[in-house]
């Protein structure tokens, strides 16, 4: 009887150690940035993507924080050229930290980014379809995930739920250029997302 109790006791200790290690591993898989838990990995269509880098989008000279931007890739990239030439899956995530960002502000920011970094996409059906995915504003705690798939599809998610998909390699380039072109929304965020 004592042997059974000792065996059960050892098993309990082992389980506690295993669960403790699993819990610590889970915690270590997130980086806390301004109250946002930025995951170290993302699963996309059964492909695991690694966090390439992250940064904060500031607005105006006052340094108002709007969102935490994160880039996930299959292989590390450190330049816009590498991103554009890569045919692998990648995801750009915007984790909102500002209390309320209107739909018009989000759409306006993308329009400005296209104009400044990839003007050939302006007025196309792809641009219109992409911008039409954003039907309302976003609040603190919300996220937009833009998945750029290797087959040329762009999938847009809101808080993990798919809100639209477009097949257009050209749109993918335009979206990459919004964040990583010569005139990004925030230079320090661009560098952070590129892991610099």
N, C-alpha and C. Protein backbone atom coordinates (compact mmCIF):
# COMPACT_ATOMS: atom_id res chain seq x y z
N UNK A 1 0.83 -1.21 0.00
CA UNK A 1 0.00 0.00 0.00
C UNK A 1 0.86 1.25 0.00
N UNK A 2 1.95 1.21 0.83
CA UNK A 2 2.88 2.34 0.90
C UNK A 2 3.55 2.58 -0.44
N UNK A 3 3.89 1.47 -1.14
CA UNK A 3 4.53 1.60 -2.45
C UNK A 3 3.61 2.30 -3.43
N UNK A 4 2.31 1.97 -3.37
CA UNK A 4 1.33 2.60 -4.26
C UNK A 4 1.25 4.09 -3.97
N UNK A 5 1.17 4.45 -2.68
CA UNK A 5 1.11 5.87 -2.29
C UNK A 5 2.35 6.62 -2.72
N UNK A 6 3.53 5.97 -2.52
CA UNK A 6 4.78 6.62 -2.93
C UNK A 6 4.81 6.82 -4.44
N UNK A 7 4.33 5.80 -5.17
CA UNK A 7 4.29 5.89 -6.63
C UNK A 7 3.37 7.00 -7.09
N UNK A 8 2.20 7.10 -6.44
CA UNK A 8 1.23 8.15 -6.78
C UNK A 8 1.81 9.52 -6.47
N UNK A 9 2.51 9.60 -5.35
CA UNK A 9 3.12 10.87 -4.94
C UNK A 9 4.18 11.32 -5.95
N UNK A 10 5.01 10.36 -6.39
CA UNK A 10 6.04 10.68 -7.39
C UNK A 10 5.39 11.13 -8.70
N UNK A 11 4.30 10.45 -9.05
CA UNK A 11 3.60 10.79 -10.30
C UNK A 11 3.04 12.21 -10.22
N UNK A 12 2.47 12.57 -9.07
CA UNK A 12 1.93 13.92 -8.88
C UNK A 12 3.03 14.96 -9.03
N UNK A 13 4.18 14.68 -8.40
CA UNK A 13 5.31 15.62 -8.48
C UNK A 13 5.77 15.78 -9.92
N UNK A 14 5.85 14.64 -10.63
CA UNK A 14 6.29 14.67 -12.03
C UNK A 14 5.31 15.49 -12.88
N UNK A 15 4.01 15.27 -12.66
CA UNK A 15 3.00 16.02 -13.41
C UNK A 15 3.09 17.51 -13.11
N UNK A 16 3.30 17.86 -11.84
CA UNK A 16 3.44 19.27 -11.47
C UNK A 16 4.64 19.91 -12.16
N UNK A 17 5.74 19.16 -12.22
CA UNK A 17 6.94 19.67 -12.89
C UNK A 17 6.67 19.86 -14.38
N UNK A 18 6.04 18.85 -15.00
CA UNK A 18 5.74 18.94 -16.44
C UNK A 18 4.82 20.11 -16.72
N UNK A 19 3.73 20.25 -15.94
CA UNK A 19 2.80 21.37 -16.17
C UNK A 19 3.48 22.71 -15.91
N UNK A 20 4.37 22.72 -14.91
CA UNK A 20 5.11 23.96 -14.62
C UNK A 20 5.99 24.36 -15.79
N UNK A 21 6.68 23.38 -16.38
CA UNK A 21 7.54 23.65 -17.54
C UNK A 21 6.69 24.12 -18.72
N UNK A 22 5.56 23.43 -18.95
CA UNK A 22 4.67 23.84 -20.05
C UNK A 22 4.16 25.25 -19.84
N UNK A 23 3.79 25.59 -18.63
CA UNK A 23 3.27 26.93 -18.34
C UNK A 23 4.35 27.97 -18.58
N UNK A 24 5.56 27.71 -18.08
CA UNK A 24 6.66 28.65 -18.28
C UNK A 24 6.98 28.80 -19.76
N UNK A 25 6.93 27.69 -20.50
CA UNK A 25 7.21 27.75 -21.94
C UNK A 25 6.18 28.62 -22.63
N UNK A 26 4.92 28.45 -22.23
CA UNK A 26 3.85 29.23 -22.85
C UNK A 26 4.05 30.72 -22.58
N UNK A 27 4.39 31.06 -21.34
CA UNK A 27 4.61 32.45 -20.97
C UNK A 27 5.79 33.03 -21.75
N UNK A 28 6.86 32.23 -21.90
CA UNK A 28 8.06 32.73 -22.57
C UNK A 28 7.85 32.93 -24.06
N UNK A 29 6.73 32.42 -24.59
CA UNK A 29 6.48 32.56 -26.02
C UNK A 29 5.79 33.87 -26.37
N UNK A 30 5.75 34.84 -25.47
CA UNK A 30 5.15 36.14 -25.78
C UNK A 30 6.06 37.25 -25.27
N UNK A 31 6.15 38.30 -26.08
CA UNK A 31 6.90 39.49 -25.69
C UNK A 31 5.87 40.55 -25.33
N UNK A 32 6.00 41.16 -24.15
CA UNK A 32 5.04 42.20 -23.75
C UNK A 32 5.54 43.55 -24.23
N UNK A 33 4.75 44.17 -25.10
CA UNK A 33 5.09 45.49 -25.65
C UNK A 33 3.92 46.42 -25.37
N UNK A 34 4.12 47.36 -24.47
CA UNK A 34 3.07 48.32 -24.14
C UNK A 34 1.75 47.66 -23.75
N UNK A 35 1.85 46.58 -23.00
CA UNK A 35 0.64 45.89 -22.56
C UNK A 35 0.10 44.89 -23.56
N UNK A 36 0.74 44.76 -24.71
CA UNK A 36 0.31 43.80 -25.74
C UNK A 36 1.23 42.59 -25.70
N UNK A 37 0.64 41.40 -25.61
CA UNK A 37 1.43 40.18 -25.67
C UNK A 37 1.63 39.80 -27.14
N UNK A 38 2.81 40.11 -27.64
CA UNK A 38 3.15 39.80 -29.03
C UNK A 38 3.68 38.37 -29.08
N UNK A 39 2.98 37.50 -29.79
CA UNK A 39 3.36 36.09 -29.85
C UNK A 39 4.69 35.92 -30.57
N UNK A 40 5.45 34.92 -30.14
CA UNK A 40 6.72 34.60 -30.81
C UNK A 40 6.51 33.79 -32.07
N UNK A 41 5.36 33.09 -32.15
CA UNK A 41 5.06 32.29 -33.34
C UNK A 41 3.59 32.43 -33.70
N UNK A 42 3.29 32.21 -34.97
CA UNK A 42 1.91 32.18 -35.47
C UNK A 42 1.77 30.97 -36.38
N UNK A 43 0.61 30.34 -36.36
CA UNK A 43 0.33 29.25 -37.30
C UNK A 43 -0.51 29.82 -38.44
N UNK A 44 -0.09 29.56 -39.66
CA UNK A 44 -0.84 30.01 -40.84
C UNK A 44 -0.92 28.85 -41.81
N UNK A 45 -2.14 28.33 -41.99
CA UNK A 45 -2.35 27.19 -42.91
C UNK A 45 -1.34 26.07 -42.64
N UNK A 46 -1.23 25.68 -41.40
CA UNK A 46 -0.35 24.60 -40.92
C UNK A 46 1.15 24.92 -41.06
N UNK A 47 1.47 26.17 -41.37
CA UNK A 47 2.88 26.61 -41.42
C UNK A 47 3.16 27.49 -40.21
N UNK A 48 4.23 27.17 -39.49
CA UNK A 48 4.59 27.99 -38.33
C UNK A 48 5.47 29.15 -38.78
N UNK A 49 5.05 30.37 -38.42
CA UNK A 49 5.81 31.57 -38.72
C UNK A 49 6.45 32.09 -37.44
N UNK A 50 7.65 32.64 -37.57
CA UNK A 50 8.38 33.18 -36.43
C UNK A 50 8.23 34.70 -36.39
N UNK A 51 8.25 35.25 -35.20
CA UNK A 51 8.25 36.70 -35.05
C UNK A 51 9.57 37.23 -35.60
N UNK A 52 9.48 38.04 -36.65
CA UNK A 52 10.68 38.63 -37.26
C UNK A 52 11.11 39.88 -36.50
N UNK A 53 10.10 40.64 -36.03
CA UNK A 53 10.38 41.85 -35.28
C UNK A 53 9.10 42.62 -35.01
N UNK A 54 9.19 43.64 -34.19
CA UNK A 54 8.02 44.44 -33.82
C UNK A 54 8.44 45.87 -33.51
N UNK A 55 7.45 46.76 -33.53
CA UNK A 55 7.71 48.15 -33.20
C UNK A 55 6.39 48.86 -32.92
N UNK A 56 6.47 50.09 -32.47
CA UNK A 56 5.26 50.85 -32.12
C UNK A 56 5.03 51.95 -33.14
N UNK A 57 3.79 52.04 -33.60
CA UNK A 57 3.38 53.13 -34.50
C UNK A 57 3.01 54.33 -33.66
N UNK A 58 3.84 55.39 -33.77
CA UNK A 58 3.57 56.65 -33.06
C UNK A 58 2.92 57.63 -34.02
N UNK A 59 2.09 58.50 -33.46
CA UNK A 59 1.42 59.52 -34.28
C UNK A 59 1.80 60.90 -33.76
N UNK A 60 2.19 61.77 -34.65
CA UNK A 60 2.51 63.18 -34.40
C UNK A 60 3.75 63.35 -33.53
N UNK A 61 4.17 64.58 -33.39
CA UNK A 61 5.37 64.89 -32.60
C UNK A 61 5.15 64.60 -31.11
N UNK A 62 3.89 64.42 -30.72
CA UNK A 62 3.58 64.10 -29.32
C UNK A 62 3.90 62.64 -28.99
N UNK A 63 4.12 61.83 -30.03
CA UNK A 63 4.47 60.43 -29.81
C UNK A 63 3.31 59.58 -29.32
N UNK A 64 2.09 59.91 -29.75
CA UNK A 64 0.91 59.13 -29.35
C UNK A 64 1.02 57.71 -29.93
N UNK A 65 0.86 56.72 -29.09
CA UNK A 65 0.97 55.32 -29.52
C UNK A 65 -0.37 54.84 -30.09
N UNK A 66 -0.33 54.37 -31.34
CA UNK A 66 -1.55 53.91 -32.00
C UNK A 66 -1.66 52.39 -31.98
N UNK A 67 -0.61 51.71 -32.43
CA UNK A 67 -0.63 50.24 -32.42
C UNK A 67 0.79 49.69 -32.37
N UNK A 68 0.87 48.43 -31.98
CA UNK A 68 2.13 47.69 -32.04
C UNK A 68 2.09 46.90 -33.34
N UNK A 69 3.08 47.11 -34.19
CA UNK A 69 3.17 46.37 -35.44
C UNK A 69 4.13 45.20 -35.29
N UNK A 70 3.75 44.05 -35.84
CA UNK A 70 4.61 42.86 -35.77
C UNK A 70 4.65 42.18 -37.12
N UNK A 71 5.80 41.67 -37.47
CA UNK A 71 5.98 40.93 -38.73
C UNK A 71 6.36 39.50 -38.41
N UNK A 72 5.65 38.55 -39.03
CA UNK A 72 5.93 37.12 -38.88
C UNK A 72 6.34 36.55 -40.23
N UNK A 73 7.43 35.78 -40.25
CA UNK A 73 7.94 35.21 -41.49
C UNK A 73 8.40 33.77 -41.26
N UNK A 74 8.56 33.04 -42.36
CA UNK A 74 9.09 31.67 -42.25
C UNK A 74 10.60 31.70 -42.03
N UNK A 75 11.26 32.66 -42.66
CA UNK A 75 12.70 32.83 -42.49
C UNK A 75 12.97 34.29 -42.19
N UNK A 76 13.99 34.57 -41.39
CA UNK A 76 14.30 35.95 -40.99
C UNK A 76 14.59 36.82 -42.20
N UNK A 77 14.06 38.04 -42.16
CA UNK A 77 14.36 39.04 -43.19
C UNK A 77 14.78 40.33 -42.50
N UNK A 78 15.63 41.09 -43.18
CA UNK A 78 16.13 42.33 -42.59
C UNK A 78 16.04 43.51 -43.55
N UNK A 79 15.39 43.29 -44.71
CA UNK A 79 15.28 44.39 -45.67
C UNK A 79 13.98 44.29 -46.45
N UNK A 80 13.57 45.41 -47.01
CA UNK A 80 12.38 45.46 -47.86
C UNK A 80 12.57 44.57 -49.07
N UNK A 81 13.76 44.57 -49.63
CA UNK A 81 14.05 43.76 -50.82
C UNK A 81 13.85 42.27 -50.54
N UNK A 82 14.29 41.82 -49.37
CA UNK A 82 14.10 40.42 -48.99
C UNK A 82 12.62 40.08 -48.88
N UNK A 83 11.85 40.99 -48.30
CA UNK A 83 10.41 40.77 -48.16
C UNK A 83 9.73 40.67 -49.52
N UNK A 84 10.08 41.59 -50.41
CA UNK A 84 9.47 41.62 -51.74
C UNK A 84 9.83 40.39 -52.57
N UNK A 85 11.05 39.90 -52.42
CA UNK A 85 11.49 38.75 -53.23
C UNK A 85 11.08 37.41 -52.63
N UNK A 86 10.74 37.40 -51.34
CA UNK A 86 10.36 36.14 -50.68
C UNK A 86 9.00 35.66 -51.17
N UNK A 87 8.94 34.40 -51.56
CA UNK A 87 7.68 33.79 -52.00
C UNK A 87 7.01 33.02 -50.86
N UNK A 88 7.55 33.15 -49.66
CA UNK A 88 7.00 32.41 -48.52
C UNK A 88 5.90 33.20 -47.82
N UNK A 89 5.10 32.49 -47.02
CA UNK A 89 4.03 33.12 -46.26
C UNK A 89 4.60 34.13 -45.27
N UNK A 90 3.86 35.22 -45.08
CA UNK A 90 4.23 36.23 -44.09
C UNK A 90 2.96 36.89 -43.56
N UNK A 91 3.02 37.39 -42.35
CA UNK A 91 1.86 38.04 -41.73
C UNK A 91 2.30 39.34 -41.07
N UNK A 92 1.52 40.39 -41.32
CA UNK A 92 1.71 41.67 -40.63
C UNK A 92 0.54 41.82 -39.66
N UNK A 93 0.84 42.10 -38.40
CA UNK A 93 -0.21 42.26 -37.39
C UNK A 93 -0.15 43.66 -36.80
N UNK A 94 -1.32 44.26 -36.64
CA UNK A 94 -1.45 45.54 -35.95
C UNK A 94 -2.25 45.29 -34.67
N UNK A 95 -1.59 45.43 -33.52
CA UNK A 95 -2.25 45.29 -32.22
C UNK A 95 -2.54 46.70 -31.70
N UNK A 96 -3.80 47.08 -31.68
CA UNK A 96 -4.15 48.45 -31.31
C UNK A 96 -4.00 48.70 -29.81
N UNK A 97 -3.35 49.83 -29.49
CA UNK A 97 -3.18 50.24 -28.09
C UNK A 97 -3.86 51.58 -27.81
N UNK A 98 -4.27 52.28 -28.87
CA UNK A 98 -4.98 53.55 -28.70
C UNK A 98 -6.45 53.24 -28.43
N UNK A 99 -7.12 54.02 -27.56
CA UNK A 99 -8.50 53.69 -27.17
C UNK A 99 -9.49 53.54 -28.33
N UNK A 100 -9.37 54.38 -29.37
CA UNK A 100 -10.36 54.31 -30.44
C UNK A 100 -9.76 54.85 -31.74
N UNK A 101 -9.70 54.00 -32.76
CA UNK A 101 -9.19 54.40 -34.07
C UNK A 101 -10.33 54.20 -35.07
N UNK A 102 -10.79 55.27 -35.69
CA UNK A 102 -11.95 55.20 -36.58
C UNK A 102 -11.62 54.46 -37.87
N UNK A 103 -12.67 53.97 -38.51
CA UNK A 103 -12.54 53.31 -39.81
C UNK A 103 -11.87 54.25 -40.81
N UNK A 104 -12.28 55.52 -40.81
CA UNK A 104 -11.72 56.50 -41.75
C UNK A 104 -10.23 56.69 -41.54
N UNK A 105 -9.77 56.64 -40.29
CA UNK A 105 -8.34 56.79 -39.99
C UNK A 105 -7.55 55.60 -40.54
N UNK A 106 -8.11 54.40 -40.37
CA UNK A 106 -7.44 53.19 -40.85
C UNK A 106 -7.35 53.22 -42.38
N UNK A 107 -8.48 53.49 -43.03
CA UNK A 107 -8.50 53.55 -44.49
C UNK A 107 -7.60 54.67 -45.00
N UNK A 108 -7.67 55.82 -44.34
CA UNK A 108 -6.84 56.96 -44.73
C UNK A 108 -5.36 56.65 -44.63
N UNK A 109 -4.97 55.91 -43.59
CA UNK A 109 -3.56 55.55 -43.41
C UNK A 109 -3.08 54.63 -44.54
N UNK A 110 -3.93 53.66 -44.93
CA UNK A 110 -3.54 52.79 -46.05
C UNK A 110 -3.47 53.58 -47.36
N UNK A 111 -4.44 54.46 -47.59
CA UNK A 111 -4.42 55.28 -48.81
C UNK A 111 -3.15 56.12 -48.88
N UNK A 112 -2.79 56.73 -47.77
CA UNK A 112 -1.58 57.54 -47.71
C UNK A 112 -0.34 56.68 -47.95
N UNK A 113 -0.33 55.50 -47.36
CA UNK A 113 0.80 54.58 -47.56
C UNK A 113 0.95 54.14 -49.00
N UNK A 114 -0.19 53.84 -49.65
CA UNK A 114 -0.14 53.47 -51.07
C UNK A 114 0.37 54.64 -51.90
N UNK A 115 -0.16 55.83 -51.64
CA UNK A 115 0.22 57.02 -52.40
C UNK A 115 1.72 57.30 -52.28
N UNK A 116 2.24 57.18 -51.07
CA UNK A 116 3.65 57.52 -50.82
C UNK A 116 4.64 56.43 -51.23
N UNK A 117 4.17 55.18 -51.29
CA UNK A 117 5.11 54.07 -51.48
C UNK A 117 4.83 53.15 -52.66
N UNK A 118 3.58 53.14 -53.16
CA UNK A 118 3.23 52.24 -54.27
C UNK A 118 2.03 52.82 -55.02
N UNK A 119 2.20 53.98 -55.64
CA UNK A 119 1.06 54.70 -56.24
C UNK A 119 0.35 53.96 -57.37
N UNK A 120 1.01 52.98 -57.99
CA UNK A 120 0.36 52.27 -59.11
C UNK A 120 -0.85 51.45 -58.67
N UNK A 121 -0.99 51.19 -57.37
CA UNK A 121 -2.14 50.41 -56.88
C UNK A 121 -3.38 51.29 -56.69
N UNK A 122 -3.19 52.61 -56.65
CA UNK A 122 -4.29 53.53 -56.37
C UNK A 122 -5.35 53.47 -57.48
N UNK A 123 -6.60 53.35 -57.07
CA UNK A 123 -7.71 53.33 -58.01
C UNK A 123 -8.00 51.98 -58.62
N UNK A 124 -7.20 50.98 -58.30
CA UNK A 124 -7.43 49.64 -58.85
C UNK A 124 -8.54 48.93 -58.08
N UNK A 125 -9.08 47.88 -58.70
CA UNK A 125 -10.13 47.11 -58.03
C UNK A 125 -9.58 46.42 -56.78
N UNK A 126 -8.29 46.05 -56.82
CA UNK A 126 -7.67 45.41 -55.66
C UNK A 126 -7.62 46.36 -54.47
N UNK A 127 -7.22 47.61 -54.74
CA UNK A 127 -7.16 48.59 -53.64
C UNK A 127 -8.55 48.81 -53.05
N UNK A 128 -9.54 48.98 -53.93
CA UNK A 128 -10.91 49.23 -53.45
C UNK A 128 -11.43 48.06 -52.62
N UNK A 129 -11.21 46.84 -53.12
CA UNK A 129 -11.68 45.66 -52.37
C UNK A 129 -11.00 45.56 -51.01
N UNK A 130 -9.69 45.80 -50.99
CA UNK A 130 -8.93 45.73 -49.74
C UNK A 130 -9.46 46.75 -48.73
N UNK A 131 -9.63 47.99 -49.15
CA UNK A 131 -10.08 49.04 -48.24
C UNK A 131 -11.52 48.81 -47.77
N UNK A 132 -12.32 48.15 -48.61
CA UNK A 132 -13.72 47.87 -48.24
C UNK A 132 -13.84 46.82 -47.13
N UNK A 133 -12.74 46.10 -46.85
CA UNK A 133 -12.78 45.13 -45.75
C UNK A 133 -12.96 45.83 -44.40
N UNK A 134 -12.52 47.09 -44.32
CA UNK A 134 -12.54 47.81 -43.05
C UNK A 134 -13.85 48.58 -42.93
N UNK A 135 -14.80 48.00 -42.21
CA UNK A 135 -16.16 48.54 -42.16
C UNK A 135 -16.47 49.31 -40.88
N UNK A 136 -15.55 49.29 -39.93
CA UNK A 136 -15.77 50.00 -38.67
C UNK A 136 -14.43 50.30 -38.01
N UNK A 137 -14.47 51.03 -36.92
CA UNK A 137 -13.24 51.40 -36.21
C UNK A 137 -12.71 50.28 -35.33
N UNK A 138 -11.59 50.58 -34.69
CA UNK A 138 -10.93 49.60 -33.82
C UNK A 138 -10.63 50.23 -32.47
N UNK A 139 -10.70 49.40 -31.44
CA UNK A 139 -10.44 49.90 -30.09
C UNK A 139 -9.23 49.17 -29.51
N UNK A 140 -8.77 49.68 -28.39
CA UNK A 140 -7.63 49.06 -27.69
C UNK A 140 -7.92 47.58 -27.45
N UNK A 141 -6.96 46.74 -27.80
CA UNK A 141 -7.13 45.30 -27.64
C UNK A 141 -7.50 44.59 -28.93
N UNK A 142 -7.98 45.35 -29.94
CA UNK A 142 -8.30 44.77 -31.24
C UNK A 142 -7.03 44.53 -32.05
N UNK A 143 -7.15 43.68 -33.05
CA UNK A 143 -6.01 43.46 -33.94
C UNK A 143 -6.47 43.25 -35.37
N UNK A 144 -5.60 43.65 -36.29
CA UNK A 144 -5.77 43.37 -37.72
C UNK A 144 -4.59 42.49 -38.11
N UNK A 145 -4.88 41.36 -38.75
CA UNK A 145 -3.83 40.48 -39.23
C UNK A 145 -3.92 40.42 -40.75
N UNK A 146 -2.84 40.76 -41.42
CA UNK A 146 -2.81 40.72 -42.89
C UNK A 146 -1.86 39.60 -43.30
N UNK A 147 -2.44 38.52 -43.83
CA UNK A 147 -1.65 37.35 -44.23
C UNK A 147 -1.36 37.43 -45.72
N UNK A 148 -0.09 37.42 -46.06
CA UNK A 148 0.35 37.46 -47.46
C UNK A 148 0.83 36.05 -47.81
N UNK A 149 -0.02 35.33 -48.54
CA UNK A 149 0.25 33.91 -48.79
C UNK A 149 1.12 33.71 -50.02
N UNK A 150 1.84 32.60 -50.03
CA UNK A 150 2.78 32.32 -51.12
C UNK A 150 2.08 32.12 -52.46
N UNK A 151 0.77 31.83 -52.45
CA UNK A 151 0.03 31.65 -53.70
C UNK A 151 -0.51 32.96 -54.28
N UNK A 152 -0.18 34.10 -53.64
CA UNK A 152 -0.63 35.39 -54.15
C UNK A 152 -1.89 35.91 -53.48
N UNK A 153 -2.50 35.10 -52.61
CA UNK A 153 -3.69 35.55 -51.89
C UNK A 153 -3.32 36.42 -50.70
N UNK A 154 -4.13 37.43 -50.47
CA UNK A 154 -4.01 38.25 -49.27
C UNK A 154 -5.27 38.02 -48.45
N UNK A 155 -5.10 37.58 -47.21
CA UNK A 155 -6.23 37.37 -46.31
C UNK A 155 -6.15 38.39 -45.18
N UNK A 156 -7.28 39.02 -44.88
CA UNK A 156 -7.33 40.01 -43.81
C UNK A 156 -8.22 39.47 -42.69
N UNK A 157 -7.68 39.49 -41.48
CA UNK A 157 -8.39 39.01 -40.30
C UNK A 157 -8.58 40.15 -39.31
N UNK A 158 -9.69 40.10 -38.60
CA UNK A 158 -9.93 41.02 -37.50
C UNK A 158 -10.09 40.19 -36.24
N UNK A 159 -9.19 40.38 -35.29
CA UNK A 159 -9.20 39.61 -34.04
C UNK A 159 -9.25 38.11 -34.31
N UNK A 160 -8.54 37.68 -35.35
CA UNK A 160 -8.45 36.26 -35.67
C UNK A 160 -9.53 35.72 -36.58
N UNK A 161 -10.54 36.53 -36.93
CA UNK A 161 -11.62 36.08 -37.82
C UNK A 161 -11.44 36.67 -39.22
N UNK A 162 -11.51 35.81 -40.23
CA UNK A 162 -11.32 36.24 -41.61
C UNK A 162 -12.42 37.21 -42.03
N UNK A 163 -12.02 38.37 -42.56
CA UNK A 163 -13.02 39.35 -43.04
C UNK A 163 -12.93 39.57 -44.55
N UNK A 164 -11.90 39.02 -45.19
CA UNK A 164 -11.81 39.16 -46.64
C UNK A 164 -10.56 38.54 -47.22
N UNK A 165 -10.64 38.24 -48.53
CA UNK A 165 -9.51 37.65 -49.24
C UNK A 165 -9.48 38.16 -50.67
N UNK A 166 -8.28 38.45 -51.17
CA UNK A 166 -8.09 38.90 -52.55
C UNK A 166 -6.89 38.17 -53.12
N UNK A 167 -7.00 37.77 -54.39
CA UNK A 167 -5.82 37.21 -55.07
C UNK A 167 -5.19 38.32 -55.90
N UNK A 168 -4.00 38.76 -55.48
CA UNK A 168 -3.29 39.80 -56.21
C UNK A 168 -1.86 39.95 -55.68
N UNK A 169 -0.89 39.37 -56.39
CA UNK A 169 0.51 39.58 -55.99
C UNK A 169 0.88 41.07 -55.96
N UNK A 170 0.24 41.86 -56.82
CA UNK A 170 0.53 43.29 -56.87
C UNK A 170 0.08 43.98 -55.58
N UNK A 171 -1.08 43.59 -55.08
CA UNK A 171 -1.57 44.14 -53.81
C UNK A 171 -0.62 43.76 -52.68
N UNK A 172 -0.12 42.53 -52.70
CA UNK A 172 0.83 42.10 -51.67
C UNK A 172 2.05 43.02 -51.64
N UNK A 173 2.58 43.34 -52.82
CA UNK A 173 3.73 44.25 -52.89
C UNK A 173 3.37 45.61 -52.32
N UNK A 174 2.18 46.10 -52.68
CA UNK A 174 1.74 47.42 -52.20
C UNK A 174 1.64 47.45 -50.68
N UNK A 175 1.09 46.38 -50.09
CA UNK A 175 0.95 46.32 -48.62
C UNK A 175 2.32 46.28 -47.96
N UNK A 176 3.23 45.48 -48.51
CA UNK A 176 4.59 45.44 -47.97
C UNK A 176 5.21 46.83 -48.01
N UNK A 177 5.01 47.54 -49.12
CA UNK A 177 5.61 48.86 -49.27
C UNK A 177 5.00 49.89 -48.31
N UNK A 178 3.72 49.72 -47.95
CA UNK A 178 3.10 50.64 -46.98
C UNK A 178 3.92 50.65 -45.69
N UNK A 179 4.30 49.47 -45.22
CA UNK A 179 5.02 49.36 -43.95
C UNK A 179 6.53 49.48 -44.09
N UNK A 180 7.06 49.05 -45.25
CA UNK A 180 8.52 48.91 -45.38
C UNK A 180 9.11 49.70 -46.54
N UNK A 181 8.30 50.56 -47.15
CA UNK A 181 8.78 51.39 -48.25
C UNK A 181 9.58 52.59 -47.76
N UNK A 182 9.91 53.52 -48.67
CA UNK A 182 10.73 54.68 -48.29
C UNK A 182 10.03 55.65 -47.34
N UNK A 183 8.68 55.63 -47.33
CA UNK A 183 7.93 56.52 -46.44
C UNK A 183 6.96 55.70 -45.59
N UNK A 184 7.47 54.94 -44.64
CA UNK A 184 6.59 54.11 -43.79
C UNK A 184 5.82 54.99 -42.80
N UNK A 185 4.78 54.44 -42.16
CA UNK A 185 4.04 55.23 -41.17
C UNK A 185 4.90 55.63 -39.98
N UNK A 186 5.92 54.82 -39.68
CA UNK A 186 6.81 55.09 -38.55
C UNK A 186 8.14 54.40 -38.83
N UNK A 187 9.20 55.20 -38.99
CA UNK A 187 10.50 54.63 -39.37
C UNK A 187 11.03 53.67 -38.32
N UNK A 188 10.87 54.01 -37.05
CA UNK A 188 11.39 53.13 -36.00
C UNK A 188 10.60 51.82 -35.94
N UNK A 189 9.29 51.87 -36.25
CA UNK A 189 8.50 50.65 -36.30
C UNK A 189 8.97 49.77 -37.45
N UNK A 190 9.21 50.38 -38.61
CA UNK A 190 9.73 49.64 -39.77
C UNK A 190 11.01 48.90 -39.40
N UNK A 191 11.94 49.60 -38.78
CA UNK A 191 13.22 48.99 -38.41
C UNK A 191 13.03 47.88 -37.38
N UNK A 192 12.12 48.11 -36.43
CA UNK A 192 11.85 47.08 -35.43
C UNK A 192 11.25 45.83 -36.03
N UNK A 193 10.31 46.00 -36.97
CA UNK A 193 9.67 44.85 -37.62
C UNK A 193 10.66 44.08 -38.49
N UNK A 194 11.67 44.79 -38.99
CA UNK A 194 12.72 44.13 -39.77
C UNK A 194 13.82 43.55 -38.88
N UNK A 195 13.62 43.62 -37.58
CA UNK A 195 14.55 43.02 -36.64
C UNK A 195 15.87 43.76 -36.52
N UNK A 196 15.84 45.06 -36.76
CA UNK A 196 17.09 45.85 -36.69
C UNK A 196 17.25 46.48 -35.32
